[in-house]
PDB file of N, CA and C in Angstrom:
ATOM      1  N   MET A   1      62.320 -24.207   4.794  1.00  0.00           N
ATOM      2  CA  MET A   1      62.337 -24.120   3.353  1.00  0.00           C
ATOM      3  C   MET A   1      62.319 -25.549   2.791  1.00  0.00           C
ATOM      4  N   THR A   2      61.409 -25.817   1.882  1.00  0.00           N
ATOM      5  CA  THR A   2      61.342 -27.147   1.280  1.00  0.00           C
ATOM      6  C   THR A   2      62.411 -27.273   0.206  1.00  0.00           C
ATOM      7  N   ALA A   3      62.626 -28.499  -0.232  1.00  0.00           N
ATOM      8  CA  ALA A   3      63.681 -28.742  -1.223  1.00  0.00           C
ATOM      9  C   ALA A   3      63.484 -27.925  -2.498  1.00  0.00           C
ATOM     10  N   PRO A   4      62.293 -27.933  -3.135  1.00  0.00           N
ATOM     11  CA  PRO A   4      62.153 -27.115  -4.339  1.00  0.00           C
ATOM     12  C   PRO A   4      62.376 -25.628  -4.070  1.00  0.00           C
ATOM     13  N   GLU A   5      61.964 -25.160  -2.890  1.00  0.00           N
ATOM     14  CA  GLU A   5      62.197 -23.755  -2.555  1.00  0.00           C
ATOM     15  C   GLU A   5      63.684 -23.463  -2.428  1.00  0.00           C
ATOM     16  N   SER A   6      64.439 -24.412  -1.863  1.00  0.00           N
ATOM     17  CA  SER A   6      65.872 -24.179  -1.704  1.00  0.00           C
ATOM     18  C   SER A   6      66.578 -24.159  -3.057  1.00  0.00           C
ATOM     19  N   ILE A   7      66.139 -24.982  -3.994  1.00  0.00           N
ATOM     20  CA  ILE A   7      66.718 -24.954  -5.333  1.00  0.00           C
ATOM     21  C   ILE A   7      66.341 -23.647  -6.015  1.00  0.00           C
ATOM     22  N   SER A   8      65.087 -23.219  -5.835  1.00  0.00           N
ATOM     23  CA  SER A   8      64.662 -21.938  -6.404  1.00  0.00           C
ATOM     24  C   SER A   8      65.482 -20.800  -5.814  1.00  0.00           C
ATOM     25  N   ALA A   9      65.778 -20.895  -4.513  1.00  0.00           N
ATOM     26  CA  ALA A   9      66.592 -19.866  -3.864  1.00  0.00           C
ATOM     27  C   ALA A   9      67.991 -19.847  -4.461  1.00  0.00           C
ATOM     28  N   ALA A  10      68.558 -21.030  -4.740  1.00  0.00           N
ATOM     29  CA  ALA A  10      69.885 -21.100  -5.355  1.00  0.00           C
ATOM     30  C   ALA A  10      69.859 -20.468  -6.744  1.00  0.00           C
ATOM     31  N   LEU A  11      68.804 -20.737  -7.507  1.00  0.00           N
ATOM     32  CA  LEU A  11      68.680 -20.139  -8.829  1.00  0.00           C
ATOM     33  C   LEU A  11      68.520 -18.628  -8.725  1.00  0.00           C
ATOM     34  N   ALA A  12      67.783 -18.183  -7.719  1.00  0.00           N
ATOM     35  CA  ALA A  12      67.564 -16.744  -7.544  1.00  0.00           C
ATOM     36  C   ALA A  12      68.865 -16.008  -7.273  1.00  0.00           C
ATOM     37  N   THR A  13      69.832 -16.690  -6.649  1.00  0.00           N
ATOM     38  CA  THR A  13      71.103 -16.022  -6.359  1.00  0.00           C
ATOM     39  C   THR A  13      71.861 -15.675  -7.636  1.00  0.00           C
ATOM     40  N   VAL A  14      71.562 -16.389  -8.720  1.00  0.00           N
ATOM     41  CA  VAL A  14      72.182 -16.043 -10.000  1.00  0.00           C
ATOM     42  C   VAL A  14      71.188 -15.339 -10.916  1.00  0.00           C
ATOM     43  N   GLY A  15      70.068 -14.889 -10.342  1.00  0.00           N
ATOM     44  CA  GLY A  15      69.098 -14.101 -11.093  1.00  0.00           C
ATOM     45  C   GLY A  15      68.249 -14.895 -12.067  1.00  0.00           C
ATOM     46  N   ILE A  16      68.069 -16.182 -11.825  1.00  0.00           N
ATOM     47  CA  ILE A  16      67.311 -17.024 -12.745  1.00  0.00           C
ATOM     48  C   ILE A  16      66.154 -17.679 -12.005  1.00  0.00           C
ATOM     49  N   SER A  17      64.971 -17.556 -12.546  1.00  0.00           N
ATOM     50  CA  SER A  17      63.810 -18.243 -11.990  1.00  0.00           C
ATOM     51  C   SER A  17      63.113 -18.986 -13.122  1.00  0.00           C
ATOM     52  N   PHE A  18      63.036 -20.285 -13.013  1.00  0.00           N
ATOM     53  CA  PHE A  18      62.421 -21.059 -14.073  1.00  0.00           C
ATOM     54  C   PHE A  18      60.955 -21.374 -13.811  1.00  0.00           C
ATOM     55  N   GLU A  19      60.448 -21.105 -12.615  1.00  0.00           N
ATOM     56  CA  GLU A  19      59.054 -21.367 -12.356  1.00  0.00           C
ATOM     57  C   GLU A  19      58.165 -20.595 -13.327  1.00  0.00           C
ATOM     58  N   SER A  20      58.573 -19.378 -13.653  1.00  0.00           N
ATOM     59  CA  SER A  20      57.770 -18.551 -14.544  1.00  0.00           C
ATOM     60  C   SER A  20      57.764 -19.087 -15.966  1.00  0.00           C
ATOM     61  N   GLU A  21      58.720 -19.911 -16.303  1.00  0.00           N
ATOM     62  CA  GLU A  21      58.784 -20.496 -17.642  1.00  0.00           C
ATOM     63  C   GLU A  21      58.239 -21.923 -17.660  1.00  0.00           C
ATOM     64  N   GLY A  22      57.660 -22.366 -16.570  1.00  0.00           N
ATOM     65  CA  GLY A  22      57.063 -23.692 -16.523  1.00  0.00           C
ATOM     66  C   GLY A  22      58.032 -24.825 -16.284  1.00  0.00           C
ATOM     67  N   VAL A  23      59.285 -24.530 -15.953  1.00  0.00           N
ATOM     68  CA  VAL A  23      60.277 -25.571 -15.680  1.00  0.00           C
ATOM     69  C   VAL A  23      60.611 -25.538 -14.199  1.00  0.00           C
ATOM     70  N   THR A  24      60.543 -26.705 -13.564  1.00  0.00           N
ATOM     71  CA  THR A  24      60.845 -26.789 -12.141  1.00  0.00           C
ATOM     72  C   THR A  24      61.784 -27.959 -11.882  1.00  0.00           C
ATOM     73  N   CYS A  25      62.371 -27.938 -10.720  1.00  0.00           N
ATOM     74  CA  CYS A  25      63.254 -29.008 -10.287  1.00  0.00           C
ATOM     75  C   CYS A  25      62.775 -29.452  -8.910  1.00  0.00           C
ATOM     76  N   ARG A  26      62.792 -30.749  -8.674  1.00  0.00           N
ATOM     77  CA  ARG A  26      62.408 -31.216  -7.347  1.00  0.00           C
ATOM     78  C   ARG A  26      63.264 -32.409  -6.936  1.00  0.00           C
ATOM     79  N   GLU A  27      63.442 -32.532  -5.628  1.00  0.00           N
ATOM     80  CA  GLU A  27      64.141 -33.689  -5.083  1.00  0.00           C
ATOM     81  C   GLU A  27      63.144 -34.846  -5.039  1.00  0.00           C
ATOM     82  N   GLU A  28      63.611 -36.012  -5.409  1.00  0.00           N
ATOM     83  CA  GLU A  28      62.761 -37.197  -5.384  1.00  0.00           C
ATOM     84  C   GLU A  28      62.892 -37.881  -4.021  1.00  0.00           C
ATOM     85  N   GLY A  29      62.094 -38.917  -3.790  1.00  0.00           N
ATOM     86  CA  GLY A  29      62.124 -39.626  -2.517  1.00  0.00           C
ATOM     87  C   GLY A  29      63.402 -40.415  -2.286  1.00  0.00           C
ATOM     88  N   GLU A  30      64.028 -40.872  -3.359  1.00  0.00           N
ATOM     89  CA  GLU A  30      65.282 -41.620  -3.248  1.00  0.00           C
ATOM     90  C   GLU A  30      66.435 -40.650  -3.043  1.00  0.00           C
ATOM     91  N   ALA A  31      67.401 -41.075  -2.264  1.00  0.00           N
ATOM     92  CA  ALA A  31      68.573 -40.228  -2.011  1.00  0.00           C
ATOM     93  C   ALA A  31      69.289 -39.900  -3.319  1.00  0.00           C
ATOM     94  N   ASN A  32      69.740 -38.666  -3.439  1.00  0.00           N
ATOM     95  CA  ASN A  32      70.572 -38.207  -4.547  1.00  0.00           C
ATOM     96  C   ASN A  32      69.845 -38.125  -5.885  1.00  0.00           C
ATOM     97  N   GLN A  33      68.517 -38.232  -5.904  1.00  0.00           N
ATOM     98  CA  GLN A  33      67.762 -38.174  -7.152  1.00  0.00           C
ATOM     99  C   GLN A  33      66.979 -36.862  -7.248  1.00  0.00           C
ATOM    100  N   TYR A  34      67.051 -36.251  -8.413  1.00  0.00           N
ATOM    101  CA  TYR A  34      66.353 -35.007  -8.690  1.00  0.00           C
ATOM    102  C   TYR A  34      65.669 -35.132 -10.041  1.00  0.00           C
ATOM    103  N   SER A  35      64.512 -34.515 -10.187  1.00  0.00           N
ATOM    104  CA  SER A  35      63.850 -34.512 -11.487  1.00  0.00           C
ATOM    105  C   SER A  35      63.662 -33.081 -11.958  1.00  0.00           C
ATOM    106  N   ILE A  36      63.711 -32.913 -13.280  1.00  0.00           N
ATOM    107  CA  ILE A  36      63.432 -31.637 -13.921  1.00  0.00           C
ATOM    108  C   ILE A  36      62.143 -31.840 -14.702  1.00  0.00           C
ATOM    109  N   LEU A  37      61.181 -30.956 -14.445  1.00  0.00           N
ATOM    110  CA  LEU A  37      59.862 -31.075 -15.054  1.00  0.00           C
ATOM    111  C   LEU A  37      59.500 -29.815 -15.825  1.00  0.00           C
ATOM    112  N   SER A  38      58.748 -30.007 -16.885  1.00  0.00           N
ATOM    113  CA  SER A  38      58.202 -28.890 -17.646  1.00  0.00           C
ATOM    114  C   SER A  38      56.706 -29.090 -17.720  1.00  0.00           C
ATOM    115  N   GLU A  39      55.978 -28.147 -17.155  1.00  0.00           N
ATOM    116  CA  GLU A  39      54.517 -28.220 -17.129  1.00  0.00           C
ATOM    117  C   GLU A  39      54.043 -29.579 -16.617  1.00  0.00           C
ATOM    118  N   LYS A  40      54.644 -30.018 -15.534  1.00  0.00           N
ATOM    119  CA  LYS A  40      54.320 -31.248 -14.804  1.00  0.00           C
ATOM    120  C   LYS A  40      54.636 -32.534 -15.564  1.00  0.00           C
ATOM    121  N   LYS A  41      55.357 -32.439 -16.684  1.00  0.00           N
ATOM    122  CA  LYS A  41      55.833 -33.615 -17.411  1.00  0.00           C
ATOM    123  C   LYS A  41      57.341 -33.676 -17.208  1.00  0.00           C
ATOM    124  N   TRP A  42      57.864 -34.865 -16.929  1.00  0.00           N
ATOM    125  CA  TRP A  42      59.283 -34.950 -16.626  1.00  0.00           C
ATOM    126  C   TRP A  42      60.129 -34.818 -17.880  1.00  0.00           C
ATOM    127  N   ILE A  43      61.260 -34.146 -17.701  1.00  0.00           N
ATOM    128  CA  ILE A  43      62.256 -33.980 -18.755  1.00  0.00           C
ATOM    129  C   ILE A  43      63.426 -34.909 -18.482  1.00  0.00           C
ATOM    130  N   ALA A  44      63.870 -34.900 -17.214  1.00  0.00           N
ATOM    131  CA  ALA A  44      65.048 -35.691 -16.857  1.00  0.00           C
ATOM    132  C   ALA A  44      64.985 -36.104 -15.395  1.00  0.00           C
ATOM    133  N   LEU A  45      65.529 -37.267 -15.121  1.00  0.00           N
ATOM    134  CA  LEU A  45      65.751 -37.737 -13.757  1.00  0.00           C
ATOM    135  C   LEU A  45      67.262 -37.851 -13.605  1.00  0.00           C
ATOM    136  N   ILE A  46      67.791 -37.157 -12.626  1.00  0.00           N
ATOM    137  CA  ILE A  46      69.242 -37.088 -12.457  1.00  0.00           C
ATOM    138  C   ILE A  46      69.636 -37.741 -11.145  1.00  0.00           C
ATOM    139  N   LEU A  47      70.574 -38.676 -11.223  1.00  0.00           N
ATOM    140  CA  LEU A  47      71.119 -39.343 -10.040  1.00  0.00           C
ATOM    141  C   LEU A  47      72.530 -38.800  -9.841  1.00  0.00           C
ATOM    142  N   GLN A  48      72.779 -38.252  -8.660  1.00  0.00           N
ATOM    143  CA  GLN A  48      74.082 -37.665  -8.374  1.00  0.00           C
ATOM    144  C   GLN A  48      74.878 -38.558  -7.431  1.00  0.00           C
ATOM    145  N   ASN A  49      76.179 -38.370  -7.450  1.00  0.00           N
ATOM    146  CA  ASN A  49      77.082 -39.118  -6.587  1.00  0.00           C
ATOM    147  C   ASN A  49      76.742 -38.816  -5.131  1.00  0.00           C
ATOM    148  N   GLY A  50      76.526 -39.848  -4.344  1.00  0.00           N
ATOM    149  CA  GLY A  50      76.179 -39.682  -2.941  1.00  0.00           C
ATOM    150  C   GLY A  50      77.291 -39.092  -2.089  1.00  0.00           C
ATOM    151  N   GLU A  51      78.505 -39.038  -2.628  1.00  0.00           N
ATOM    152  CA  GLU A  51      79.601 -38.419  -1.887  1.00  0.00           C
ATOM    153  C   GLU A  51      79.432 -36.904  -1.804  1.00  0.00           C
ATOM    154  N   PHE A  52      78.651 -36.331  -2.722  1.00  0.00           N
ATOM    155  CA  PHE A  52      78.366 -34.901  -2.663  1.00  0.00           C
ATOM    156  C   PHE A  52      77.285 -34.676  -1.629  1.00  0.00           C
ATOM    157  N   GLY A  53      77.456 -33.661  -0.818  1.00  0.00           N
ATOM    158  CA  GLY A  53      76.422 -33.311   0.147  1.00  0.00           C
ATOM    159  C   GLY A  53      75.226 -32.675  -0.539  1.00  0.00           C
ATOM    160  N   VAL A  54      74.170 -32.485   0.203  1.00  0.00           N
ATOM    161  CA  VAL A  54      72.940 -31.909  -0.342  1.00  0.00           C
ATOM    162  C   VAL A  54      73.194 -30.522  -0.917  1.00  0.00           C
ATOM    163  N   THR A  55      74.009 -29.725  -0.242  1.00  0.00           N
ATOM    164  CA  THR A  55      74.290 -28.367  -0.724  1.00  0.00           C
ATOM    165  C   THR A  55      74.941 -28.411  -2.101  1.00  0.00           C
ATOM    166  N   ARG A  56      75.930 -29.289  -2.260  1.00  0.00           N
ATOM    167  CA  ARG A  56      76.614 -29.420  -3.564  1.00  0.00           C
ATOM    168  C   ARG A  56      75.655 -29.958  -4.616  1.00  0.00           C
ATOM    169  N   GLN A  57      74.816 -30.921  -4.249  1.00  0.00           N
ATOM    170  CA  GLN A  57      73.864 -31.470  -5.211  1.00  0.00           C
ATOM    171  C   GLN A  57      72.874 -30.403  -5.670  1.00  0.00           C
ATOM    172  N   ARG A  58      72.402 -29.584  -4.738  1.00  0.00           N
ATOM    173  CA  ARG A  58      71.474 -28.512  -5.110  1.00  0.00           C
ATOM    174  C   ARG A  58      72.160 -27.488  -6.007  1.00  0.00           C
ATOM    175  N   ALA A  59      73.418 -27.193  -5.732  1.00  0.00           N
ATOM    176  CA  ALA A  59      74.166 -26.278  -6.597  1.00  0.00           C
ATOM    177  C   ALA A  59      74.322 -26.868  -7.998  1.00  0.00           C
ATOM    178  N   ASN A  60      74.585 -28.175  -8.077  1.00  0.00           N
ATOM    179  CA  ASN A  60      74.676 -28.842  -9.380  1.00  0.00           C
ATOM    180  C   ASN A  60      73.364 -28.710 -10.139  1.00  0.00           C
ATOM    181  N   MET A  61      72.246 -28.897  -9.428  1.00  0.00           N
ATOM    182  CA  MET A  61      70.943 -28.798 -10.077  1.00  0.00           C
ATOM    183  C   MET A  61      70.681 -27.375 -10.560  1.00  0.00           C
ATOM    184  N   ALA A  62      71.128 -26.395  -9.784  1.00  0.00           N
ATOM    185  CA  ALA A  62      70.972 -25.002 -10.222  1.00  0.00           C
ATOM    186  C   ALA A  62      71.718 -24.776 -11.542  1.00  0.00           C
ATOM    187  N   LEU A  63      72.888 -25.403 -11.681  1.00  0.00           N
ATOM    188  CA  LEU A  63      73.639 -25.285 -12.936  1.00  0.00           C
ATOM    189  C   LEU A  63      72.905 -25.970 -14.084  1.00  0.00           C
ATOM    190  N   PHE A  64      72.370 -27.158 -13.839  1.00  0.00           N
ATOM    191  CA  PHE A  64      71.588 -27.848 -14.874  1.00  0.00           C
ATOM    192  C   PHE A  64      70.424 -26.973 -15.327  1.00  0.00           C
ATOM    193  N   MET A  65      69.730 -26.394 -14.356  1.00  0.00           N
ATOM    194  CA  MET A  65      68.557 -25.583 -14.657  1.00  0.00           C
ATOM    195  C   MET A  65      68.946 -24.292 -15.386  1.00  0.00           C
ATOM    196  N   ALA A  66      70.089 -23.736 -15.067  1.00  0.00           N
ATOM    197  CA  ALA A  66      70.506 -22.463 -15.656  1.00  0.00           C
ATOM    198  C   ALA A  66      71.103 -22.631 -17.052  1.00  0.00           C
ATOM    199  N   ALA A  67      71.519 -23.827 -17.407  1.00  0.00           N
ATOM    200  CA  ALA A  67      72.253 -24.048 -18.656  1.00  0.00           C
ATOM    201  C   ALA A  67      71.542 -23.497 -19.900  1.00  0.00           C
ATOM    202  N   PRO A  68      70.247 -23.742 -20.116  1.00  0.00           N
ATOM    203  CA  PRO A  68      69.616 -23.199 -21.329  1.00  0.00           C
ATOM    204  C   PRO A  68      69.655 -21.672 -21.391  1.00  0.00           C
ATOM    205  N   ALA A  69      69.380 -21.012 -20.283  1.00  0.00           N
ATOM    206  CA  ALA A  69      69.402 -19.544 -20.262  1.00  0.00           C
ATOM    207  C   ALA A  69      70.822 -19.031 -20.474  1.00  0.00           C
ATOM    208  N   LEU A  70      71.809 -19.693 -19.868  1.00  0.00           N
ATOM    209  CA  LEU A  70      73.196 -19.280 -20.048  1.00  0.00           C
ATOM    210  C   LEU A  70      73.636 -19.450 -21.492  1.00  0.00           C
ATOM    211  N   ARG A  71      73.221 -20.549 -22.107  1.00  0.00           N
ATOM    212  CA  ARG A  71      73.542 -20.788 -23.523  1.00  0.00           C
ATOM    213  C   ARG A  71      72.963 -19.670 -24.384  1.00  0.00           C
ATOM    214  N   ASP A  72      71.698 -19.298 -24.132  1.00  0.00           N
ATOM    215  CA  ASP A  72      71.065 -18.225 -24.894  1.00  0.00           C
ATOM    216  C   ASP A  72      71.803 -16.902 -24.704  1.00  0.00           C
ATOM    217  N   GLU A  73      72.262 -16.641 -23.481  1.00  0.00           N
ATOM    218  CA  GLU A  73      72.997 -15.410 -23.213  1.00  0.00           C
ATOM    219  C   GLU A  73      74.333 -15.395 -23.956  1.00  0.00           C
ATOM    220  N   VAL A  74      75.024 -16.536 -24.000  1.00  0.00           N
ATOM    221  CA  VAL A  74      76.300 -16.614 -24.716  1.00  0.00           C
ATOM    222  C   VAL A  74      76.082 -16.392 -26.217  1.00  0.00           C
ATOM    223  N   ILE A  75      75.023 -16.965 -26.761  1.00  0.00           N
ATOM    224  CA  ILE A  75      74.709 -16.768 -28.187  1.00  0.00           C
ATOM    225  C   ILE A  75      74.421 -15.296 -28.464  1.00  0.00           C
ATOM    226  N   ALA A  76      73.647 -14.659 -27.589  1.00  0.00           N
ATOM    227  CA  ALA A  76      73.334 -13.238 -27.763  1.00  0.00           C
ATOM    228  C   ALA A  76      74.597 -12.383 -27.650  1.00  0.00           C
ATOM    229  N   LEU A  77      75.462 -12.725 -26.713  1.00  0.00           N
ATOM    230  CA  LEU A  77      76.710 -11.984 -26.540  1.00  0.00           C
ATOM    231  C   LEU A  77      77.597 -12.128 -27.768  1.00  0.00           C
ATOM    232  N   ARG A  78      77.669 -13.334 -28.297  1.00  0.00           N
ATOM    233  CA  ARG A  78      78.479 -13.555 -29.499  1.00  0.00           C
ATOM    234  C   ARG A  78      77.948 -12.709 -30.658  1.00  0.00           C
ATOM    235  N   ALA A  79      76.630 -12.630 -30.805  1.00  0.00           N
ATOM    236  CA  ALA A  79      76.040 -11.815 -31.866  1.00  0.00           C
ATOM    237  C   ALA A  79      76.425 -10.342 -31.696  1.00  0.00           C
ATOM    238  N   GLU A  80      76.459  -9.878 -30.456  1.00  0.00           N
ATOM    239  CA  GLU A  80      76.870  -8.493 -30.192  1.00  0.00           C
ATOM    240  C   GLU A  80      78.328  -8.276 -30.570  1.00  0.00           C
ATOM    241  N   VAL A  81      79.181  -9.238 -30.273  1.00  0.00           N
ATOM    242  CA  VAL A  81      80.601  -9.123 -30.629  1.00  0.00           C
ATOM    243  C   VAL A  81      80.756  -9.067 -32.144  1.00  0.00           C
ATOM    244  N   VAL A  82      80.007  -9.887 -32.854  1.00  0.00           N
ATOM    245  CA  VAL A  82      80.075  -9.889 -34.326  1.00  0.00           C
ATOM    246  C   VAL A  82      79.643  -8.525 -34.865  1.00  0.00           C
ATOM    247  N   ARG A  83      78.567  -7.970 -34.287  1.00  0.00           N
ATOM    248  CA  ARG A  83      78.097  -6.640 -34.726  1.00  0.00           C
ATOM    249  C   ARG A  83      79.142  -5.560 -34.411  1.00  0.00           C
ATOM    250  N   LEU A  84      79.771  -5.654 -33.243  1.00  0.00           N
ATOM    251  CA  LEU A  84      80.792  -4.685 -32.862  1.00  0.00           C
ATOM    252  C   LEU A  84      81.986  -4.768 -33.804  1.00  0.00           C
ATOM    253  N   LYS A  85      82.412  -5.988 -34.131  1.00  0.00           N
ATOM    254  CA  LYS A  85      83.525  -6.149 -35.069  1.00  0.00           C
ATOM    255  C   LYS A  85      83.192  -5.526 -36.417  1.00  0.00           C
ATOM    256  N   ALA A  86      81.959  -5.743 -36.890  1.00  0.00           N
ATOM    257  CA  ALA A  86      81.547  -5.179 -38.181  1.00  0.00           C
ATOM    258  C   ALA A  86      81.556  -3.657 -38.122  1.00  0.00           C
ATOM    259  N   PHE A  87      81.057  -3.098 -37.031  1.00  0.00           N
ATOM    260  CA  PHE A  87      81.053  -1.637 -36.885  1.00  0.00           C
ATOM    261  C   PHE A  87      82.474  -1.089 -36.862  1.00  0.00           C
ATOM    262  N   LEU A  88      83.332  -1.694 -36.047  1.00  0.00           N
ATOM    263  CA  LEU A  88      84.707  -1.226 -35.947  1.00  0.00           C
ATOM    264  C   LEU A  88      85.418  -1.270 -37.294  1.00  0.00           C
ATOM    265  N   LYS A  89      85.092  -2.281 -38.081  1.00  0.00           N
ATOM    266  CA  LYS A  89      85.706  -2.394 -39.409  1.00  0.00           C
ATOM    267  C   LYS A  89      85.288  -1.227 -40.300  1.00  0.00           C
ATOM    268  N   THR A  90      84.058  -0.751 -40.149  1.00  0.00           N
ATOM    269  CA  THR A  90      83.587   0.367 -40.974  1.00  0.00           C
ATOM    270  C   THR A  90      84.296   1.665 -40.624  1.00  0.00           C
ATOM    271  N   VAL A  91      84.794   1.770 -39.407  1.00  0.00           N
ATOM    272  CA  VAL A  91      85.511   3.001 -39.005  1.00  0.00           C
ATOM    273  C   VAL A  91      87.030   2.810 -39.026  1.00  0.00           C
ATOM    274  N   GLY A  92      87.465   1.691 -39.603  1.00  0.00           N
ATOM    275  CA  GLY A  92      88.889   1.467 -39.786  1.00  0.00           C
ATOM    276  C   GLY A  92      89.619   0.862 -38.601  1.00  0.00           C
ATOM    277  N   TRP A  93      88.892   0.320 -37.658  1.00  0.00           N
ATOM    278  CA  TRP A  93      89.527  -0.317 -36.497  1.00  0.00           C
ATOM    279  C   TRP A  93      89.410  -1.825 -36.657  1.00  0.00           C
ATOM    280  N   GLU A  94      90.369  -2.519 -36.108  1.00  0.00           N
ATOM    281  CA  GLU A  94      90.325  -3.991 -36.090  1.00  0.00           C
ATOM    282  C   GLU A  94      90.289  -4.468 -34.654  1.00  0.00           C
ATOM    283  N   MET A  95      89.411  -5.403 -34.381  1.00  0.00           N
ATOM    284  CA  MET A  95      89.331  -6.025 -33.063  1.00  0.00           C
ATOM    285  C   MET A  95      90.212  -7.264 -33.075  1.00  0.00           C
ATOM    286  N   PRO A  96      90.967  -7.503 -32.009  1.00  0.00           N
ATOM    287  CA  PRO A  96      91.775  -8.724 -31.978  1.00  0.00           C
ATOM    288  C   PRO A  96      90.889  -9.964 -32.068  1.00  0.00           C
ATOM    289  N   ALA A  97      91.409 -11.008 -32.626  1.00  0.00           N
ATOM    290  CA  ALA A  97      90.644 -12.254 -32.781  1.00  0.00           C
ATOM    291  C   ALA A  97      90.328 -12.894 -31.468  1.00  0.00           C
TER     292      ALA A  97
END
């Protein structure tokens, strides 16, 4: 398994694949360096602490890659909570803060 495939595999374990959205992550030639690309244009070059092993560094990159999707999910969840609170209020129930 190549480095980008292993990062993709890590993302797949949390149900996220960014290849389909045009965003990829790859290990660079220098130790501890990773780049995030969108449609073959770089977004970020990340240098990680060399004390972390490759497995930990790849897990960190999976978190970086997942952050936008996770943020969107949290925003959507918050909107659902607001709608639920409004509904409960119409039927005379109060949701704790």
